[in-house]
Amino acid sequence: MTPLFTGNWIGIISTVCWILCFYFTLTFFENLRKDDERVTKQSKIAAIIFLSSALLLPVVFNFYLFVQMNS
């Protein structure tokens, strides 16, 4: 698999993580109003995980490419 093709998939996965982060953030606010502590906590954790995945996947991939190009 070429790095360009892999980069396209990283972009798609990152976009899906952004969408899931937005979904769980909205779910968090919805359950915050309903005073459902368990679901609120789970939604907050899921939103944080997907946000960090959306931000870190491209960084890690670009760092990998940088190391491969300079070695």
PDB file of N, CA and C in Angstrom:
ATOM      1  N   MET A   1       0.845  -1.169   0.000  1.00  0.00           N
ATOM      2  CA  MET A   1       0.000   0.000   0.000  1.00  0.00           C
ATOM      3  C   MET A   1       0.894   1.236   0.000  1.00  0.00           C
ATOM      4  N   THR A   2       0.636   2.163  -0.892  1.00  0.00           N
ATOM      5  CA  THR A   2       1.472   3.350  -1.006  1.00  0.00           C
ATOM      6  C   THR A   2       1.118   4.349   0.097  1.00  0.00           C
ATOM      7  N   PRO A   3       2.085   5.183   0.490  1.00  0.00           N
ATOM      8  CA  PRO A   3       1.798   6.184   1.526  1.00  0.00           C
ATOM      9  C   PRO A   3       0.688   7.151   1.136  1.00  0.00           C
ATOM     10  N   LEU A   4       0.576   7.477  -0.173  1.00  0.00           N
ATOM     11  CA  LEU A   4      -0.478   8.385  -0.602  1.00  0.00           C
ATOM     12  C   LEU A   4      -1.845   7.756  -0.373  1.00  0.00           C
ATOM     13  N   PHE A   5      -1.973   6.474  -0.727  1.00  0.00           N
ATOM     14  CA  PHE A   5      -3.237   5.759  -0.518  1.00  0.00           C
ATOM     15  C   PHE A   5      -3.543   5.655   0.970  1.00  0.00           C
ATOM     16  N   THR A   6      -2.532   5.364   1.774  1.00  0.00           N
ATOM     17  CA  THR A   6      -2.715   5.275   3.220  1.00  0.00           C
ATOM     18  C   THR A   6      -3.107   6.637   3.788  1.00  0.00           C
ATOM     19  N   GLY A   7      -2.511   7.696   3.252  1.00  0.00           N
ATOM     20  CA  GLY A   7      -2.856   9.048   3.699  1.00  0.00           C
ATOM     21  C   GLY A   7      -4.310   9.379   3.447  1.00  0.00           C
ATOM     22  N   ASN A   8      -4.853   8.897   2.335  1.00  0.00           N
ATOM     23  CA  ASN A   8      -6.275   9.116   2.057  1.00  0.00           C
ATOM     24  C   ASN A   8      -7.132   8.434   3.116  1.00  0.00           C
ATOM     25  N   TRP A   9      -6.759   7.207   3.484  1.00  0.00           N
ATOM     26  CA  TRP A   9      -7.523   6.496   4.511  1.00  0.00           C
ATOM     27  C   TRP A   9      -7.391   7.160   5.874  1.00  0.00           C
ATOM     28  N   ILE A  10      -6.224   7.697   6.172  1.00  0.00           N
ATOM     29  CA  ILE A  10      -6.045   8.421   7.443  1.00  0.00           C
ATOM     30  C   ILE A  10      -6.983   9.625   7.477  1.00  0.00           C
ATOM     31  N   GLY A  11      -7.112  10.318   6.365  1.00  0.00           N
ATOM     32  CA  GLY A  11      -8.028  11.460   6.281  1.00  0.00           C
ATOM     33  C   GLY A  11      -9.475  11.058   6.477  1.00  0.00           C
ATOM     34  N   ILE A  12      -9.862   9.937   5.889  1.00  0.00           N
ATOM     35  CA  ILE A  12     -11.238   9.456   6.032  1.00  0.00           C
ATOM     36  C   ILE A  12     -11.514   9.046   7.478  1.00  0.00           C
ATOM     37  N   ILE A  13     -10.588   8.317   8.074  1.00  0.00           N
ATOM     38  CA  ILE A  13     -10.766   7.878   9.461  1.00  0.00           C
ATOM     39  C   ILE A  13     -10.798   9.078  10.403  1.00  0.00           C
ATOM     40  N   SER A  14      -9.947  10.053  10.147  1.00  0.00           N
ATOM     41  CA  SER A  14      -9.926  11.262  10.969  1.00  0.00           C
ATOM     42  C   SER A  14     -11.255  12.010  10.874  1.00  0.00           C
ATOM     43  N   THR A  15     -11.814  12.092   9.668  1.00  0.00           N
ATOM     44  CA  THR A  15     -13.104  12.762   9.487  1.00  0.00           C
ATOM     45  C   THR A  15     -14.218  12.017  10.219  1.00  0.00           C
ATOM     46  N   VAL A  16     -14.201  10.706  10.153  1.00  0.00           N
ATOM     47  CA  VAL A  16     -15.199   9.910  10.877  1.00  0.00           C
ATOM     48  C   VAL A  16     -15.059  10.131  12.385  1.00  0.00           C
ATOM     49  N   CYS A  17     -13.832  10.231  12.871  1.00  0.00           N
ATOM     50  CA  CYS A  17     -13.612  10.500  14.303  1.00  0.00           C
ATOM     51  C   CYS A  17     -14.153  11.871  14.694  1.00  0.00           C
ATOM     52  N   TRP A  18     -13.994  12.890  13.815  1.00  0.00           N
ATOM     53  CA  TRP A  18     -14.553  14.216  14.072  1.00  0.00           C
ATOM     54  C   TRP A  18     -16.073  14.145  14.175  1.00  0.00           C
ATOM     55  N   ILE A  19     -16.694  13.414  13.258  1.00  0.00           N
ATOM     56  CA  ILE A  19     -18.153  13.293  13.260  1.00  0.00           C
ATOM     57  C   ILE A  19     -18.630  12.591  14.526  1.00  0.00           C
ATOM     58  N   LEU A  20     -17.951  11.515  14.919  1.00  0.00           N
ATOM     59  CA  LEU A  20     -18.334  10.809  16.138  1.00  0.00           C
ATOM     60  C   LEU A  20     -18.099  11.666  17.377  1.00  0.00           C
ATOM     61  N   CYS A  21     -17.043  12.461  17.360  1.00  0.00           N
ATOM     62  CA  CYS A  21     -16.795  13.381  18.480  1.00  0.00           C
ATOM     63  C   CYS A  21     -17.940  14.377  18.600  1.00  0.00           C
ATOM     64  N   PHE A  22     -18.368  14.946  17.477  1.00  0.00           N
ATOM     65  CA  PHE A  22     -19.479  15.891  17.480  1.00  0.00           C
ATOM     66  C   PHE A  22     -20.754  15.217  17.976  1.00  0.00           C
ATOM     67  N   TYR A  23     -21.010  13.989  17.525  1.00  0.00           N
ATOM     68  CA  TYR A  23     -22.194  13.250  17.964  1.00  0.00           C
ATOM     69  C   TYR A  23     -22.189  13.031  19.473  1.00  0.00           C
ATOM     70  N   PHE A  24     -21.059  12.569  20.008  1.00  0.00           N
ATOM     71  CA  PHE A  24     -21.007  12.301  21.440  1.00  0.00           C
ATOM     72  C   PHE A  24     -21.011  13.581  22.271  1.00  0.00           C
ATOM     73  N   THR A  25     -20.524  14.680  21.700  1.00  0.00           N
ATOM     74  CA  THR A  25     -20.617  15.958  22.403  1.00  0.00           C
ATOM     75  C   THR A  25     -22.070  16.396  22.516  1.00  0.00           C
ATOM     76  N   LEU A  26     -22.813  16.251  21.428  1.00  0.00           N
ATOM     77  CA  LEU A  26     -24.237  16.585  21.482  1.00  0.00           C
ATOM     78  C   LEU A  26     -24.992  15.658  22.435  1.00  0.00           C
ATOM     79  N   THR A  27     -24.625  14.382  22.431  1.00  0.00           N
ATOM     80  CA  THR A  27     -25.240  13.437  23.359  1.00  0.00           C
ATOM     81  C   THR A  27     -24.923  13.816  24.804  1.00  0.00           C
ATOM     82  N   PHE A  28     -23.694  14.269  25.036  1.00  0.00           N
ATOM     83  CA  PHE A  28     -23.295  14.711  26.374  1.00  0.00           C
ATOM     84  C   PHE A  28     -24.184  15.861  26.842  1.00  0.00           C
ATOM     85  N   PHE A  29     -24.366  16.877  25.994  1.00  0.00           N
ATOM     86  CA  PHE A  29     -25.199  18.019  26.383  1.00  0.00           C
ATOM     87  C   PHE A  29     -26.653  17.625  26.571  1.00  0.00           C
ATOM     88  N   GLU A  30     -27.139  16.701  25.737  1.00  0.00           N
ATOM     89  CA  GLU A  30     -28.520  16.252  25.874  1.00  0.00           C
ATOM     90  C   GLU A  30     -28.729  15.524  27.200  1.00  0.00           C
ATOM     91  N   ASN A  31     -27.797  14.651  27.558  1.00  0.00           N
ATOM     92  CA  ASN A  31     -27.942  13.898  28.805  1.00  0.00           C
ATOM     93  C   ASN A  31     -27.594  14.736  30.030  1.00  0.00           C
ATOM     94  N   LEU A  32     -26.873  15.810  29.840  1.00  0.00           N
ATOM     95  CA  LEU A  32     -26.586  16.724  30.945  1.00  0.00           C
ATOM     96  C   LEU A  32     -27.880  17.363  31.432  1.00  0.00           C
ATOM     97  N   ARG A  33     -28.764  17.682  30.495  1.00  0.00           N
ATOM     98  CA  ARG A  33     -30.062  18.260  30.854  1.00  0.00           C
ATOM     99  C   ARG A  33     -30.956  17.237  31.541  1.00  0.00           C
ATOM    100  N   LYS A  34     -30.810  15.961  31.168  1.00  0.00           N
ATOM    101  CA  LYS A  34     -31.671  14.908  31.719  1.00  0.00           C
ATOM    102  C   LYS A  34     -31.177  14.393  33.071  1.00  0.00           C
ATOM    103  N   ASP A  35     -30.036  14.886  33.522  1.00  0.00           N
ATOM    104  CA  ASP A  35     -29.428  14.455  34.796  1.00  0.00           C
ATOM    105  C   ASP A  35     -29.149  12.956  34.845  1.00  0.00           C
ATOM    106  N   ASP A  36     -28.723  12.400  33.727  1.00  0.00           N
ATOM    107  CA  ASP A  36     -28.339  10.991  33.672  1.00  0.00           C
ATOM    108  C   ASP A  36     -26.817  10.922  33.763  1.00  0.00           C
ATOM    109  N   GLU A  37     -26.306  10.729  34.980  1.00  0.00           N
ATOM    110  CA  GLU A  37     -24.861  10.822  35.224  1.00  0.00           C
ATOM    111  C   GLU A  37     -24.045   9.775  34.474  1.00  0.00           C
ATOM    112  N   ARG A  38     -24.521   8.542  34.438  1.00  0.00           N
ATOM    113  CA  ARG A  38     -23.757   7.463  33.824  1.00  0.00           C
ATOM    114  C   ARG A  38     -23.583   7.704  32.328  1.00  0.00           C
ATOM    115  N   VAL A  39     -24.663   8.003  31.642  1.00  0.00           N
ATOM    116  CA  VAL A  39     -24.600   8.222  30.201  1.00  0.00           C
ATOM    117  C   VAL A  39     -23.839   9.509  29.888  1.00  0.00           C
ATOM    118  N   THR A  40     -23.990  10.521  30.736  1.00  0.00           N
ATOM    119  CA  THR A  40     -23.253  11.774  30.546  1.00  0.00           C
ATOM    120  C   THR A  40     -21.756  11.531  30.624  1.00  0.00           C
ATOM    121  N   LYS A  41     -21.331  10.756  31.613  1.00  0.00           N
ATOM    122  CA  LYS A  41     -19.905  10.472  31.772  1.00  0.00           C
ATOM    123  C   LYS A  41     -19.380   9.649  30.593  1.00  0.00           C
ATOM    124  N   GLN A  42     -20.161   8.649  30.156  1.00  0.00           N
ATOM    125  CA  GLN A  42     -19.738   7.829  29.019  1.00  0.00           C
ATOM    126  C   GLN A  42     -19.643   8.653  27.739  1.00  0.00           C
ATOM    127  N   SER A  43     -20.586   9.561  27.532  1.00  0.00           N
ATOM    128  CA  SER A  43     -20.567  10.408  26.341  1.00  0.00           C
ATOM    129  C   SER A  43     -19.369  11.346  26.353  1.00  0.00           C
ATOM    130  N   LYS A  44     -19.050  11.885  27.522  1.00  0.00           N
ATOM    131  CA  LYS A  44     -17.899  12.782  27.631  1.00  0.00           C
ATOM    132  C   LYS A  44     -16.605  12.040  27.327  1.00  0.00           C
ATOM    133  N   ILE A  45     -16.461  10.844  27.861  1.00  0.00           N
ATOM    134  CA  ILE A  45     -15.246  10.053  27.620  1.00  0.00           C
ATOM    135  C   ILE A  45     -15.141   9.677  26.148  1.00  0.00           C
ATOM    136  N   ALA A  46     -16.254   9.269  25.530  1.00  0.00           N
ATOM    137  CA  ALA A  46     -16.243   8.905  24.112  1.00  0.00           C
ATOM    138  C   ALA A  46     -15.885  10.112  23.249  1.00  0.00           C
ATOM    139  N   ALA A  47     -16.435  11.280  23.570  1.00  0.00           N
ATOM    140  CA  ALA A  47     -16.129  12.484  22.800  1.00  0.00           C
ATOM    141  C   ALA A  47     -14.647  12.830  22.907  1.00  0.00           C
ATOM    142  N   ILE A  48     -14.068  12.694  24.087  1.00  0.00           N
ATOM    143  CA  ILE A  48     -12.643  12.984  24.281  1.00  0.00           C
ATOM    144  C   ILE A  48     -11.779  11.986  23.508  1.00  0.00           C
ATOM    145  N   ILE A  49     -12.144  10.722  23.543  1.00  0.00           N
ATOM    146  CA  ILE A  49     -11.380   9.688  22.822  1.00  0.00           C
ATOM    147  C   ILE A  49     -11.414   9.947  21.320  1.00  0.00           C
ATOM    148  N   PHE A  50     -12.595  10.245  20.769  1.00  0.00           N
ATOM    149  CA  PHE A  50     -12.685  10.477  19.330  1.00  0.00           C
ATOM    150  C   PHE A  50     -12.023  11.785  18.919  1.00  0.00           C
ATOM    151  N   LEU A  51     -12.082  12.806  19.763  1.00  0.00           N
ATOM    152  CA  LEU A  51     -11.392  14.056  19.452  1.00  0.00           C
ATOM    153  C   LEU A  51      -9.888  13.849  19.424  1.00  0.00           C
ATOM    154  N   SER A  52      -9.378  13.146  20.426  1.00  0.00           N
ATOM    155  CA  SER A  52      -7.933  12.894  20.453  1.00  0.00           C
ATOM    156  C   SER A  52      -7.513  12.004  19.279  1.00  0.00           C
ATOM    157  N   SER A  53      -8.344  11.046  18.904  1.00  0.00           N
ATOM    158  CA  SER A  53      -8.027  10.207  17.744  1.00  0.00           C
ATOM    159  C   SER A  53      -8.013  11.030  16.457  1.00  0.00           C
ATOM    160  N   ALA A  54      -8.996  11.920  16.313  1.00  0.00           N
ATOM    161  CA  ALA A  54      -9.074  12.739  15.103  1.00  0.00           C
ATOM    162  C   ALA A  54      -7.878  13.673  14.991  1.00  0.00           C
ATOM    163  N   LEU A  55      -7.357  14.136  16.116  1.00  0.00           N
ATOM    164  CA  LEU A  55      -6.219  15.047  16.087  1.00  0.00           C
ATOM    165  C   LEU A  55      -4.883  14.320  16.002  1.00  0.00           C
ATOM    166  N   LEU A  56      -4.770  13.167  16.640  1.00  0.00           N
ATOM    167  CA  LEU A  56      -3.481  12.483  16.711  1.00  0.00           C
ATOM    168  C   LEU A  56      -3.174  11.579  15.517  1.00  0.00           C
ATOM    169  N   LEU A  57      -4.166  10.993  14.894  1.00  0.00           N
ATOM    170  CA  LEU A  57      -3.903  10.104  13.753  1.00  0.00           C
ATOM    171  C   LEU A  57      -3.125  10.795  12.630  1.00  0.00           C
ATOM    172  N   PRO A  58      -3.548  11.965  12.164  1.00  0.00           N
ATOM    173  CA  PRO A  58      -2.757  12.618  11.107  1.00  0.00           C
ATOM    174  C   PRO A  58      -1.362  13.034  11.574  1.00  0.00           C
ATOM    175  N   VAL A  59      -1.232  13.431  12.825  1.00  0.00           N
ATOM    176  CA  VAL A  59       0.079  13.839  13.346  1.00  0.00           C
ATOM    177  C   VAL A  59       1.035  12.649  13.368  1.00  0.00           C
ATOM    178  N   VAL A  60       0.565  11.520  13.869  1.00  0.00           N
ATOM    179  CA  VAL A  60       1.401  10.327  13.934  1.00  0.00           C
ATOM    180  C   VAL A  60       1.772   9.859  12.523  1.00  0.00           C
ATOM    181  N   PHE A  61       0.811   9.874  11.605  1.00  0.00           N
ATOM    182  CA  PHE A  61       1.093   9.443  10.240  1.00  0.00           C
ATOM    183  C   PHE A  61       2.106  10.375   9.564  1.00  0.00           C
ATOM    184  N   ASN A  62       1.931  11.688   9.739  1.00  0.00           N
ATOM    185  CA  ASN A  62       2.873  12.632   9.137  1.00  0.00           C
ATOM    186  C   ASN A  62       4.256  12.520   9.757  1.00  0.00           C
ATOM    187  N   PHE A  63       4.322  12.263  11.039  1.00  0.00           N
ATOM    188  CA  PHE A  63       5.621  12.041  11.678  1.00  0.00           C
ATOM    189  C   PHE A  63       6.284  10.782  11.125  1.00  0.00           C
ATOM    190  N   TYR A  64       5.502   9.735  10.922  1.00  0.00           N
ATOM    191  CA  TYR A  64       6.016   8.499  10.325  1.00  0.00           C
ATOM    192  C   TYR A  64       6.568   8.773   8.920  1.00  0.00           C
ATOM    193  N   LEU A  65       5.818   9.523   8.119  1.00  0.00           N
ATOM    194  CA  LEU A  65       6.293   9.855   6.775  1.00  0.00           C
ATOM    195  C   LEU A  65       7.571  10.690   6.829  1.00  0.00           C
ATOM    196  N   PHE A  66       7.618  11.644   7.759  1.00  0.00           N
ATOM    197  CA  PHE A  66       8.800  12.477   7.903  1.00  0.00           C
ATOM    198  C   PHE A  66      10.039  11.632   8.234  1.00  0.00           C
ATOM    199  N   VAL A  67       9.877  10.688   9.149  1.00  0.00           N
ATOM    200  CA  VAL A  67      10.988   9.821   9.534  1.00  0.00           C
ATOM    201  C   VAL A  67      11.397   8.936   8.352  1.00  0.00           C
ATOM    202  N   GLN A  68      10.437   8.412   7.602  1.00  0.00           N
ATOM    203  CA  GLN A  68      10.737   7.549   6.457  1.00  0.00           C
ATOM    204  C   GLN A  68      11.459   8.322   5.346  1.00  0.00           C
ATOM    205  N   MET A  69      11.051   9.566   5.134  1.00  0.00           N
ATOM    206  CA  MET A  69      11.661  10.362   4.070  1.00  0.00           C
ATOM    207  C   MET A  69      13.085  10.794   4.416  1.00  0.00           C
ATOM    208  N   ASN A  70      13.376  10.976   5.694  1.00  0.00           N
ATOM    209  CA  ASN A  70      14.686  11.460   6.116  1.00  0.00           C
ATOM    210  C   ASN A  70      15.650  10.348   6.488  1.00  0.00           C
ATOM    211  N   SER A  71      15.244   9.112   6.345  1.00  0.00           N
ATOM    212  CA  SER A  71      16.168   8.024   6.689  1.00  0.00           C
ATOM    213  C   SER A  71      16.754   7.380   5.461  1.00  0.00           C
TER     214      SER A  71
END
